[in-house]
Amino acid sequence: MMASKTVKVGSSVGLHARPASIIAEKAAEFAEEITLGTPEEEPVDASSMMLIMTLGAECGTEVTVESENEEAVAAIAELVAKDLDAE
């Protein structure tokens, strides 16, 4: 069964290079596939920084995180919702 969580992008610059690389690195730690999608874009592989950037998700954009691993969904959703540029 697929776990899913929708959160708003917390980074002020959206899911650009730095936030995308942090999310991709975390996603790569899980064996299961994790996807990120927006209402406008098809879901992409969360372990690919380049694919995350193609979503064009700005600050406040709703992003849906999906995976068969609930822990993975929670971890990635938490990162998407954080301002990763402020750290």
N, C-alpha and C. Protein backbone atom coordinates (compact mmCIF):
# COMPACT_ATOMS: atom_id res chain seq x y z
N MET A 1 0.84 -1.20 0.00
CA MET A 1 0.00 0.00 0.00
C MET A 1 0.88 1.26 0.00
N MET A 2 0.50 2.23 -0.80
CA MET A 2 1.25 3.48 -0.92
C MET A 2 0.96 4.42 0.23
N ALA A 3 1.99 4.95 0.83
CA ALA A 3 1.82 6.02 1.81
C ALA A 3 1.98 7.33 1.07
N SER A 4 1.26 8.35 1.52
CA SER A 4 1.30 9.62 0.82
C SER A 4 1.09 10.76 1.80
N LYS A 5 1.80 11.86 1.56
CA LYS A 5 1.63 13.04 2.41
C LYS A 5 1.84 14.27 1.54
N THR A 6 0.95 15.26 1.69
CA THR A 6 1.08 16.50 0.93
C THR A 6 1.49 17.61 1.88
N VAL A 7 2.56 18.31 1.52
CA VAL A 7 3.07 19.42 2.33
C VAL A 7 3.37 20.60 1.42
N LYS A 8 3.51 21.77 2.03
CA LYS A 8 3.88 22.97 1.26
C LYS A 8 5.39 23.15 1.33
N VAL A 9 5.98 23.56 0.21
CA VAL A 9 7.43 23.80 0.14
C VAL A 9 7.78 24.93 1.11
N GLY A 10 8.75 24.66 2.00
CA GLY A 10 9.12 25.63 3.02
C GLY A 10 10.29 26.51 2.65
N SER A 11 11.11 26.06 1.69
CA SER A 11 12.29 26.84 1.32
C SER A 11 11.89 28.09 0.56
N SER A 12 12.45 29.23 0.97
CA SER A 12 12.08 30.50 0.34
C SER A 12 12.40 30.54 -1.15
N VAL A 13 13.40 29.77 -1.57
CA VAL A 13 13.76 29.74 -3.00
C VAL A 13 13.05 28.60 -3.74
N GLY A 14 12.21 27.85 -3.03
CA GLY A 14 11.56 26.70 -3.66
C GLY A 14 12.51 25.52 -3.72
N LEU A 15 12.14 24.49 -4.49
CA LEU A 15 12.98 23.29 -4.56
C LEU A 15 14.07 23.45 -5.63
N HIS A 16 15.00 24.37 -5.36
CA HIS A 16 16.11 24.58 -6.28
C HIS A 16 17.33 23.79 -5.81
N ALA A 17 18.50 24.12 -6.33
CA ALA A 17 19.69 23.29 -6.16
C ALA A 17 19.95 22.77 -4.74
N ARG A 18 20.09 23.67 -3.79
CA ARG A 18 20.46 23.21 -2.44
C ARG A 18 19.38 22.35 -1.78
N PRO A 19 18.13 22.85 -1.71
CA PRO A 19 17.09 22.00 -1.12
C PRO A 19 16.91 20.68 -1.88
N ALA A 20 16.98 20.74 -3.20
CA ALA A 20 16.80 19.53 -4.01
C ALA A 20 17.89 18.51 -3.73
N SER A 21 19.13 18.98 -3.55
CA SER A 21 20.22 18.03 -3.29
C SER A 21 20.08 17.41 -1.90
N ILE A 22 19.64 18.19 -0.91
CA ILE A 22 19.44 17.65 0.45
C ILE A 22 18.34 16.59 0.44
N ILE A 23 17.24 16.88 -0.26
CA ILE A 23 16.12 15.93 -0.36
C ILE A 23 16.55 14.67 -1.10
N ALA A 24 17.26 14.83 -2.22
CA ALA A 24 17.70 13.67 -3.02
C ALA A 24 18.65 12.77 -2.22
N GLU A 25 19.56 13.38 -1.47
CA GLU A 25 20.49 12.59 -0.64
C GLU A 25 19.74 11.76 0.38
N LYS A 26 18.74 12.37 1.03
CA LYS A 26 17.95 11.66 2.04
C LYS A 26 17.14 10.55 1.38
N ALA A 27 16.54 10.83 0.23
CA ALA A 27 15.71 9.84 -0.47
C ALA A 27 16.54 8.62 -0.88
N ALA A 28 17.81 8.86 -1.21
CA ALA A 28 18.70 7.77 -1.65
C ALA A 28 19.03 6.81 -0.51
N GLU A 29 18.79 7.22 0.74
CA GLU A 29 19.06 6.36 1.89
C GLU A 29 18.02 5.23 2.02
N PHE A 30 16.87 5.39 1.35
CA PHE A 30 15.81 4.39 1.46
C PHE A 30 15.83 3.45 0.26
N ALA A 31 15.50 2.18 0.51
CA ALA A 31 15.50 1.17 -0.56
C ALA A 31 14.31 1.37 -1.50
N GLU A 32 13.18 1.79 -0.93
CA GLU A 32 11.96 1.94 -1.72
C GLU A 32 12.00 3.21 -2.57
N GLU A 33 11.28 3.17 -3.69
CA GLU A 33 11.18 4.36 -4.52
C GLU A 33 10.32 5.40 -3.79
N ILE A 34 10.73 6.65 -3.88
CA ILE A 34 9.98 7.77 -3.30
C ILE A 34 9.75 8.76 -4.44
N THR A 35 8.53 9.26 -4.56
CA THR A 35 8.26 10.24 -5.61
C THR A 35 7.74 11.55 -5.00
N LEU A 36 8.00 12.63 -5.75
CA LEU A 36 7.48 13.95 -5.41
C LEU A 36 6.67 14.43 -6.59
N GLY A 37 5.50 14.98 -6.32
CA GLY A 37 4.69 15.52 -7.40
C GLY A 37 3.99 16.79 -6.96
N THR A 38 3.61 17.62 -7.93
CA THR A 38 2.84 18.83 -7.64
C THR A 38 1.52 18.71 -8.42
N PRO A 39 0.55 19.57 -8.10
CA PRO A 39 -0.71 19.50 -8.85
C PRO A 39 -0.51 19.67 -10.37
N GLU A 40 0.54 20.42 -10.77
CA GLU A 40 0.77 20.68 -12.20
C GLU A 40 1.68 19.65 -12.87
N GLU A 41 2.52 18.98 -12.06
CA GLU A 41 3.54 18.11 -12.66
C GLU A 41 3.38 16.65 -12.24
N GLU A 42 3.76 15.75 -13.15
CA GLU A 42 3.76 14.32 -12.85
C GLU A 42 4.80 14.04 -11.76
N PRO A 43 4.58 13.02 -10.93
CA PRO A 43 5.56 12.69 -9.90
C PRO A 43 6.93 12.32 -10.48
N VAL A 44 7.99 12.72 -9.78
CA VAL A 44 9.36 12.41 -10.20
C VAL A 44 10.07 11.66 -9.08
N ASP A 45 11.16 11.00 -9.42
CA ASP A 45 11.98 10.25 -8.47
C ASP A 45 12.64 11.23 -7.49
N ALA A 46 12.35 11.06 -6.20
CA ALA A 46 12.86 11.99 -5.18
C ALA A 46 14.36 11.84 -4.94
N SER A 47 14.98 10.78 -5.46
CA SER A 47 16.43 10.63 -5.24
C SER A 47 17.24 11.30 -6.36
N SER A 48 16.55 11.99 -7.27
CA SER A 48 17.23 12.71 -8.35
C SER A 48 17.08 14.22 -8.16
N MET A 49 18.20 14.87 -7.83
CA MET A 49 18.18 16.32 -7.65
C MET A 49 17.67 17.02 -8.91
N MET A 50 18.12 16.58 -10.08
CA MET A 50 17.71 17.22 -11.33
C MET A 50 16.20 17.09 -11.56
N LEU A 51 15.67 15.90 -11.30
CA LEU A 51 14.22 15.71 -11.50
C LEU A 51 13.41 16.54 -10.51
N ILE A 52 13.88 16.64 -9.27
CA ILE A 52 13.18 17.48 -8.28
C ILE A 52 13.12 18.92 -8.78
N MET A 53 14.23 19.39 -9.34
CA MET A 53 14.28 20.77 -9.83
C MET A 53 13.33 20.99 -11.01
N THR A 54 13.06 19.94 -11.80
CA THR A 54 12.15 20.09 -12.95
C THR A 54 10.72 20.33 -12.51
N LEU A 55 10.39 20.04 -11.25
CA LEU A 55 9.03 20.31 -10.76
C LEU A 55 8.74 21.81 -10.73
N GLY A 56 9.80 22.61 -10.59
CA GLY A 56 9.62 24.06 -10.52
C GLY A 56 8.81 24.48 -9.31
N ALA A 57 8.90 23.71 -8.22
CA ALA A 57 8.09 24.00 -7.03
C ALA A 57 8.65 25.19 -6.27
N GLU A 58 7.85 26.24 -6.18
CA GLU A 58 8.24 27.45 -5.46
C GLU A 58 7.83 27.33 -4.00
N CYS A 59 8.24 28.30 -3.19
CA CYS A 59 7.84 28.35 -1.78
C CYS A 59 6.31 28.38 -1.71
N GLY A 60 5.74 27.49 -0.90
CA GLY A 60 4.29 27.45 -0.75
C GLY A 60 3.58 26.50 -1.69
N THR A 61 4.29 25.97 -2.70
CA THR A 61 3.68 25.00 -3.63
C THR A 61 3.37 23.72 -2.88
N GLU A 62 2.22 23.12 -3.14
CA GLU A 62 1.89 21.85 -2.51
C GLU A 62 2.61 20.73 -3.26
N VAL A 63 3.33 19.91 -2.49
CA VAL A 63 4.07 18.77 -3.05
C VAL A 63 3.58 17.51 -2.36
N THR A 64 3.26 16.49 -3.15
CA THR A 64 2.83 15.21 -2.59
C THR A 64 3.99 14.23 -2.64
N VAL A 65 4.32 13.68 -1.47
CA VAL A 65 5.39 12.70 -1.34
C VAL A 65 4.73 11.32 -1.26
N GLU A 66 5.20 10.37 -2.08
CA GLU A 66 4.62 9.03 -2.06
C GLU A 66 5.70 7.96 -2.05
N SER A 67 5.43 6.88 -1.31
CA SER A 67 6.33 5.73 -1.27
C SER A 67 5.60 4.59 -0.58
N GLU A 68 6.12 3.38 -0.74
CA GLU A 68 5.55 2.25 0.00
C GLU A 68 6.09 2.26 1.43
N ASN A 69 7.12 3.07 1.69
CA ASN A 69 7.73 3.16 3.01
C ASN A 69 7.22 4.42 3.72
N GLU A 70 6.41 4.23 4.77
CA GLU A 70 5.83 5.37 5.49
C GLU A 70 6.89 6.25 6.13
N GLU A 71 7.96 5.62 6.64
CA GLU A 71 9.06 6.37 7.25
C GLU A 71 9.72 7.29 6.23
N ALA A 72 9.90 6.77 5.03
CA ALA A 72 10.50 7.55 3.95
C ALA A 72 9.63 8.75 3.62
N VAL A 73 8.32 8.53 3.53
CA VAL A 73 7.38 9.62 3.23
C VAL A 73 7.48 10.70 4.31
N ALA A 74 7.49 10.28 5.58
CA ALA A 74 7.56 11.24 6.69
C ALA A 74 8.86 12.04 6.65
N ALA A 75 9.98 11.35 6.40
CA ALA A 75 11.29 12.01 6.39
C ALA A 75 11.40 13.02 5.25
N ILE A 76 10.97 12.63 4.06
CA ILE A 76 11.07 13.51 2.90
C ILE A 76 10.08 14.67 3.01
N ALA A 77 8.86 14.38 3.47
CA ALA A 77 7.85 15.44 3.63
C ALA A 77 8.35 16.49 4.62
N GLU A 78 9.02 16.04 5.68
CA GLU A 78 9.55 16.98 6.68
C GLU A 78 10.60 17.90 6.04
N LEU A 79 11.46 17.33 5.18
CA LEU A 79 12.48 18.14 4.50
C LEU A 79 11.85 19.14 3.53
N VAL A 80 10.85 18.69 2.77
CA VAL A 80 10.18 19.58 1.80
C VAL A 80 9.57 20.78 2.52
N ALA A 81 9.00 20.52 3.70
CA ALA A 81 8.30 21.57 4.45
C ALA A 81 9.25 22.54 5.16
N LYS A 82 10.51 22.15 5.32
CA LYS A 82 11.49 22.99 6.02
C LYS A 82 12.09 24.03 5.08
N ASP A 83 12.60 25.12 5.65
CA ASP A 83 13.35 26.08 4.84
C ASP A 83 14.81 25.62 4.82
N LEU A 84 15.12 24.80 3.83
CA LEU A 84 16.46 24.20 3.75
C LEU A 84 17.54 25.21 3.34
N ASP A 85 17.14 26.38 2.91
CA ASP A 85 18.13 27.39 2.54
C ASP A 85 18.59 28.17 3.74
N ALA A 86 17.84 28.09 4.83
CA ALA A 86 18.16 28.89 6.02
C ALA A 86 19.20 28.19 6.89
N GLU A 87 19.52 26.93 6.58
CA GLU A 87 20.41 26.17 7.45
C GLU A 87 21.87 26.32 7.08
